[in-house]
Amino acid sequence: MASLIMKVLWLVVLAMVIASPVAHAITCSQVSSNLAPCLDYLRNGGTVPDACCNNIKSLSNAARTPADHQAVCNCLSKVSSGSKGFMSYNASGLPGKCGVTSCNRIR
Protein backbone atom coordinates (compact mmCIF):
# COMPACT_ATOMS: atom_id res chain seq x y z
CA MET A 1 0.00 0.00 0.00
CA ALA A 2 2.80 2.44 0.91
CA SER A 3 4.49 1.63 -2.39
CA LEU A 4 1.32 2.51 -4.31
CA ILE A 5 1.00 5.82 -2.43
CA MET A 6 4.63 6.68 -3.24
CA LYS A 7 4.06 5.93 -6.92
CA VAL A 8 0.98 8.14 -6.99
CA LEU A 9 2.85 10.96 -5.23
CA TRP A 10 5.70 10.71 -7.74
CA LEU A 11 3.20 10.86 -10.62
CA VAL A 12 1.58 13.95 -9.10
CA VAL A 13 4.96 15.64 -8.67
CA LEU A 14 5.97 14.70 -12.22
CA ALA A 15 2.70 16.09 -13.59
CA MET A 16 3.25 19.34 -11.67
CA VAL A 17 6.75 19.72 -13.08
CA ILE A 18 5.60 19.03 -16.62
CA ALA A 19 2.61 21.37 -16.32
CA SER A 20 4.52 24.25 -14.75
CA PRO A 21 5.44 27.04 -17.14
CA VAL A 22 9.03 27.29 -18.22
CA ALA A 23 10.74 30.26 -16.61
CA HIS A 24 12.15 32.82 -18.99
CA ALA A 25 14.53 35.04 -17.08
CA ILE A 26 14.78 38.63 -18.18
CA THR A 27 18.32 39.49 -19.20
CA CYS A 28 20.14 42.76 -18.63
CA SER A 29 20.51 43.17 -22.39
CA GLN A 30 16.70 43.02 -22.71
CA VAL A 31 16.37 45.63 -19.96
CA SER A 32 18.97 47.83 -21.63
CA SER A 33 17.35 47.62 -25.07
CA ASN A 34 13.93 48.37 -23.54
CA LEU A 35 15.36 51.57 -22.07
CA ALA A 36 16.51 52.92 -25.47
CA PRO A 37 13.38 55.08 -25.99
CA CYS A 38 13.89 56.50 -22.47
CA LEU A 39 17.45 57.76 -22.90
CA ASP A 40 16.59 61.32 -23.92
CA TYR A 41 14.19 61.66 -20.98
CA LEU A 42 16.71 60.18 -18.53
CA ARG A 43 19.36 62.66 -19.67
CA ASN A 44 17.27 65.79 -20.24
CA GLY A 45 13.89 65.38 -18.53
CA GLY A 46 10.76 66.72 -20.17
CA THR A 47 7.91 64.52 -21.33
CA VAL A 48 8.34 60.77 -21.09
CA PRO A 49 7.91 59.29 -24.59
CA ASP A 50 5.04 56.84 -25.01
CA ALA A 51 7.47 54.22 -26.38
CA CYS A 52 9.50 54.53 -23.16
CA CYS A 53 6.49 53.90 -20.92
CA ASN A 54 5.28 51.07 -23.13
CA ASN A 55 8.66 49.36 -22.76
CA ILE A 56 8.78 49.99 -19.00
CA LYS A 57 5.30 48.47 -18.67
CA SER A 58 6.35 45.49 -20.81
CA LEU A 59 9.34 44.88 -18.54
CA SER A 60 7.13 45.10 -15.49
CA ASN A 61 4.61 42.67 -17.00
CA ALA A 62 7.35 40.24 -18.04
CA ALA A 63 8.64 40.14 -14.47
CA ARG A 64 6.05 37.85 -12.91
CA THR A 65 7.62 37.07 -9.54
CA PRO A 66 9.29 39.25 -6.89
CA ALA A 67 12.59 37.60 -7.87
CA ASP A 68 12.00 38.58 -11.52
CA HIS A 69 11.25 42.16 -10.49
CA GLN A 70 14.39 42.26 -8.36
CA ALA A 71 16.44 40.97 -11.29
CA VAL A 72 15.05 43.76 -13.49
CA CYS A 73 15.83 46.31 -10.77
CA ASN A 74 19.39 45.00 -10.47
CA CYS A 75 19.82 45.31 -14.22
CA LEU A 76 18.40 48.84 -14.16
CA SER A 77 20.88 49.74 -11.46
CA LYS A 78 23.78 48.36 -13.51
CA VAL A 79 22.63 50.14 -16.66
CA SER A 80 22.13 53.49 -14.93
CA SER A 81 25.43 53.34 -13.03
CA GLY A 82 27.30 52.59 -16.24
CA SER A 83 25.66 55.38 -18.25
CA LYS A 84 26.87 58.94 -18.23
CA GLY A 85 24.51 61.83 -18.09
CA PHE A 86 21.50 60.17 -16.49
CA MET A 87 19.77 62.51 -14.07
CA SER A 88 18.95 60.48 -10.95
CA TYR A 89 15.78 62.51 -10.37
CA ASN A 90 14.46 61.55 -13.81
CA ALA A 91 15.44 57.91 -13.36
CA SER A 92 13.80 57.57 -9.95
CA GLY A 93 10.57 59.21 -11.15
CA LEU A 94 10.25 57.21 -14.35
CA PRO A 95 8.34 54.19 -12.95
CA GLY A 96 5.70 56.42 -11.37
CA LYS A 97 5.28 58.42 -14.56
CA CYS A 98 4.75 55.17 -16.43
CA GLY A 99 2.37 53.74 -13.83
CA VAL A 100 4.51 50.84 -12.61
CA THR A 101 5.94 49.96 -9.20
CA SER A 102 9.35 51.46 -8.58
CA CYS A 103 12.29 49.32 -7.54
CA ASN A 104 12.42 50.79 -4.05
CA ARG A 105 8.96 49.30 -3.42
CA ILE A 106 9.85 45.78 -4.57
CA ARG A 107 10.49 43.38 -1.70
C-alpha atoms as a PDB file:
ATOM      1  CA  MET A   1       0.000   0.000   0.000  1.00  0.00           C
ATOM      2  CA  ALA A   2       2.802   2.443   0.912  1.00  0.00           C
ATOM      3  CA  SER A   3       4.493   1.632  -2.395  1.00  0.00           C
ATOM      4  CA  LEU A   4       1.318   2.515  -4.305  1.00  0.00           C
ATOM      5  CA  ILE A   5       1.003   5.824  -2.435  1.00  0.00           C
ATOM      6  CA  MET A   6       4.628   6.683  -3.235  1.00  0.00           C
ATOM      7  CA  LYS A   7       4.058   5.930  -6.922  1.00  0.00           C
ATOM      8  CA  VAL A   8       0.980   8.136  -6.989  1.00  0.00           C
ATOM      9  CA  LEU A   9       2.850  10.955  -5.231  1.00  0.00           C
ATOM     10  CA  TRP A  10       5.701  10.713  -7.743  1.00  0.00           C
ATOM     11  CA  LEU A  11       3.198  10.859 -10.616  1.00  0.00           C
ATOM     12  CA  VAL A  12       1.578  13.947  -9.103  1.00  0.00           C
ATOM     13  CA  VAL A  13       4.965  15.643  -8.669  1.00  0.00           C
ATOM     14  CA  LEU A  14       5.974  14.702 -12.216  1.00  0.00           C
ATOM     15  CA  ALA A  15       2.703  16.090 -13.586  1.00  0.00           C
ATOM     16  CA  MET A  16       3.247  19.343 -11.675  1.00  0.00           C
ATOM     17  CA  VAL A  17       6.754  19.716 -13.078  1.00  0.00           C
ATOM     18  CA  ILE A  18       5.598  19.034 -16.623  1.00  0.00           C
ATOM     19  CA  ALA A  19       2.612  21.373 -16.321  1.00  0.00           C
ATOM     20  CA  SER A  20       4.518  24.250 -14.749  1.00  0.00           C
ATOM     21  CA  PRO A  21       5.438  27.043 -17.141  1.00  0.00           C
ATOM     22  CA  VAL A  22       9.033  27.291 -18.219  1.00  0.00           C
ATOM     23  CA  ALA A  23      10.738  30.258 -16.615  1.00  0.00           C
ATOM     24  CA  HIS A  24      12.148  32.823 -18.989  1.00  0.00           C
ATOM     25  CA  ALA A  25      14.528  35.035 -17.082  1.00  0.00           C
ATOM     26  CA  ILE A  26      14.780  38.632 -18.185  1.00  0.00           C
ATOM     27  CA  THR A  27      18.322  39.491 -19.197  1.00  0.00           C
ATOM     28  CA  CYS A  28      20.137  42.758 -18.628  1.00  0.00           C
ATOM     29  CA  SER A  29      20.506  43.169 -22.393  1.00  0.00           C
ATOM     30  CA  GLN A  30      16.700  43.019 -22.705  1.00  0.00           C
ATOM     31  CA  VAL A  31      16.367  45.633 -19.959  1.00  0.00           C
ATOM     32  CA  SER A  32      18.966  47.831 -21.627  1.00  0.00           C
ATOM     33  CA  SER A  33      17.347  47.619 -25.066  1.00  0.00           C
ATOM     34  CA  ASN A  34      13.935  48.371 -23.542  1.00  0.00           C
ATOM     35  CA  LEU A  35      15.365  51.567 -22.073  1.00  0.00           C
ATOM     36  CA  ALA A  36      16.506  52.915 -25.468  1.00  0.00           C
ATOM     37  CA  PRO A  37      13.382  55.078 -25.991  1.00  0.00           C
ATOM     38  CA  CYS A  38      13.888  56.500 -22.470  1.00  0.00           C
ATOM     39  CA  LEU A  39      17.454  57.763 -22.899  1.00  0.00           C
ATOM     40  CA  ASP A  40      16.588  61.322 -23.920  1.00  0.00           C
ATOM     41  CA  TYR A  41      14.193  61.660 -20.983  1.00  0.00           C
ATOM     42  CA  LEU A  42      16.711  60.178 -18.534  1.00  0.00           C
ATOM     43  CA  ARG A  43      19.365  62.661 -19.671  1.00  0.00           C
ATOM     44  CA  ASN A  44      17.275  65.787 -20.245  1.00  0.00           C
ATOM     45  CA  GLY A  45      13.893  65.381 -18.533  1.00  0.00           C
ATOM     46  CA  GLY A  46      10.763  66.724 -20.165  1.00  0.00           C
ATOM     47  CA  THR A  47       7.913  64.523 -21.328  1.00  0.00           C
ATOM     48  CA  VAL A  48       8.337  60.775 -21.087  1.00  0.00           C
ATOM     49  CA  PRO A  49       7.913  59.289 -24.586  1.00  0.00           C
ATOM     50  CA  ASP A  50       5.037  56.838 -25.013  1.00  0.00           C
ATOM     51  CA  ALA A  51       7.474  54.223 -26.376  1.00  0.00           C
ATOM     52  CA  CYS A  52       9.498  54.526 -23.163  1.00  0.00           C
ATOM     53  CA  CYS A  53       6.486  53.899 -20.917  1.00  0.00           C
ATOM     54  CA  ASN A  54       5.282  51.068 -23.129  1.00  0.00           C
ATOM     55  CA  ASN A  55       8.663  49.357 -22.762  1.00  0.00           C
ATOM     56  CA  ILE A  56       8.785  49.991 -19.002  1.00  0.00           C
ATOM     57  CA  LYS A  57       5.302  48.466 -18.666  1.00  0.00           C
ATOM     58  CA  SER A  58       6.348  45.495 -20.810  1.00  0.00           C
ATOM     59  CA  LEU A  59       9.340  44.876 -18.545  1.00  0.00           C
ATOM     60  CA  SER A  60       7.131  45.100 -15.493  1.00  0.00           C
ATOM     61  CA  ASN A  61       4.606  42.673 -16.996  1.00  0.00           C
ATOM     62  CA  ALA A  62       7.347  40.241 -18.039  1.00  0.00           C
ATOM     63  CA  ALA A  63       8.642  40.142 -14.471  1.00  0.00           C
ATOM     64  CA  ARG A  64       6.054  37.847 -12.914  1.00  0.00           C
ATOM     65  CA  THR A  65       7.621  37.074  -9.541  1.00  0.00           C
ATOM     66  CA  PRO A  66       9.294  39.251  -6.895  1.00  0.00           C
ATOM     67  CA  ALA A  67      12.591  37.595  -7.874  1.00  0.00           C
ATOM     68  CA  ASP A  68      12.001  38.581 -11.518  1.00  0.00           C
ATOM     69  CA  HIS A  69      11.247  42.161 -10.487  1.00  0.00           C
ATOM     70  CA  GLN A  70      14.386  42.260  -8.359  1.00  0.00           C
ATOM     71  CA  ALA A  71      16.437  40.969 -11.291  1.00  0.00           C
ATOM     72  CA  VAL A  72      15.046  43.763 -13.493  1.00  0.00           C
ATOM     73  CA  CYS A  73      15.826  46.310 -10.770  1.00  0.00           C
ATOM     74  CA  ASN A  74      19.385  44.997 -10.466  1.00  0.00           C
ATOM     75  CA  CYS A  75      19.821  45.312 -14.219  1.00  0.00           C
ATOM     76  CA  LEU A  76      18.396  48.836 -14.156  1.00  0.00           C
ATOM     77  CA  SER A  77      20.880  49.740 -11.457  1.00  0.00           C
ATOM     78  CA  LYS A  78      23.783  48.361 -13.505  1.00  0.00           C
ATOM     79  CA  VAL A  79      22.628  50.141 -16.661  1.00  0.00           C
ATOM     80  CA  SER A  80      22.132  53.488 -14.927  1.00  0.00           C
ATOM     81  CA  SER A  81      25.427  53.341 -13.028  1.00  0.00           C
ATOM     82  CA  GLY A  82      27.297  52.589 -16.245  1.00  0.00           C
ATOM     83  CA  SER A  83      25.665  55.379 -18.253  1.00  0.00           C
ATOM     84  CA  LYS A  84      26.874  58.940 -18.233  1.00  0.00           C
ATOM     85  CA  GLY A  85      24.505  61.828 -18.087  1.00  0.00           C
ATOM     86  CA  PHE A  86      21.505  60.167 -16.485  1.00  0.00           C
ATOM     87  CA  MET A  87      19.774  62.507 -14.068  1.00  0.00           C
ATOM     88  CA  SER A  88      18.951  60.485 -10.955  1.00  0.00           C
ATOM     89  CA  TYR A  89      15.782  62.507 -10.370  1.00  0.00           C
ATOM     90  CA  ASN A  90      14.465  61.554 -13.807  1.00  0.00           C
ATOM     91  CA  ALA A  91      15.435  57.914 -13.358  1.00  0.00           C
ATOM     92  CA  SER A  92      13.796  57.570  -9.952  1.00  0.00           C
ATOM     93  CA  GLY A  93      10.573  59.211 -11.151  1.00  0.00           C
ATOM     94  CA  LEU A  94      10.249  57.207 -14.350  1.00  0.00           C
ATOM     95  CA  PRO A  95       8.339  54.187 -12.946  1.00  0.00           C
ATOM     96  CA  GLY A  96       5.703  56.418 -11.367  1.00  0.00           C
ATOM     97  CA  LYS A  97       5.279  58.421 -14.557  1.00  0.00           C
ATOM     98  CA  CYS A  98       4.752  55.170 -16.434  1.00  0.00           C
ATOM     99  CA  GLY A  99       2.366  53.743 -13.833  1.00  0.00           C
ATOM    100  CA  VAL A 100       4.510  50.837 -12.607  1.00  0.00           C
ATOM    101  CA  THR A 101       5.940  49.962  -9.202  1.00  0.00           C
ATOM    102  CA  SER A 102       9.353  51.458  -8.583  1.00  0.00           C
ATOM    103  CA  CYS A 103      12.294  49.324  -7.541  1.00  0.00           C
ATOM    104  CA  ASN A 104      12.425  50.794  -4.047  1.00  0.00           C
ATOM    105  CA  ARG A 105       8.964  49.302  -3.423  1.00  0.00           C
ATOM    106  CA  ILE A 106       9.851  45.783  -4.571  1.00  0.00           C
ATOM    107  CA  ARG A 107      10.486  43.380  -1.699  1.00  0.00           C
END
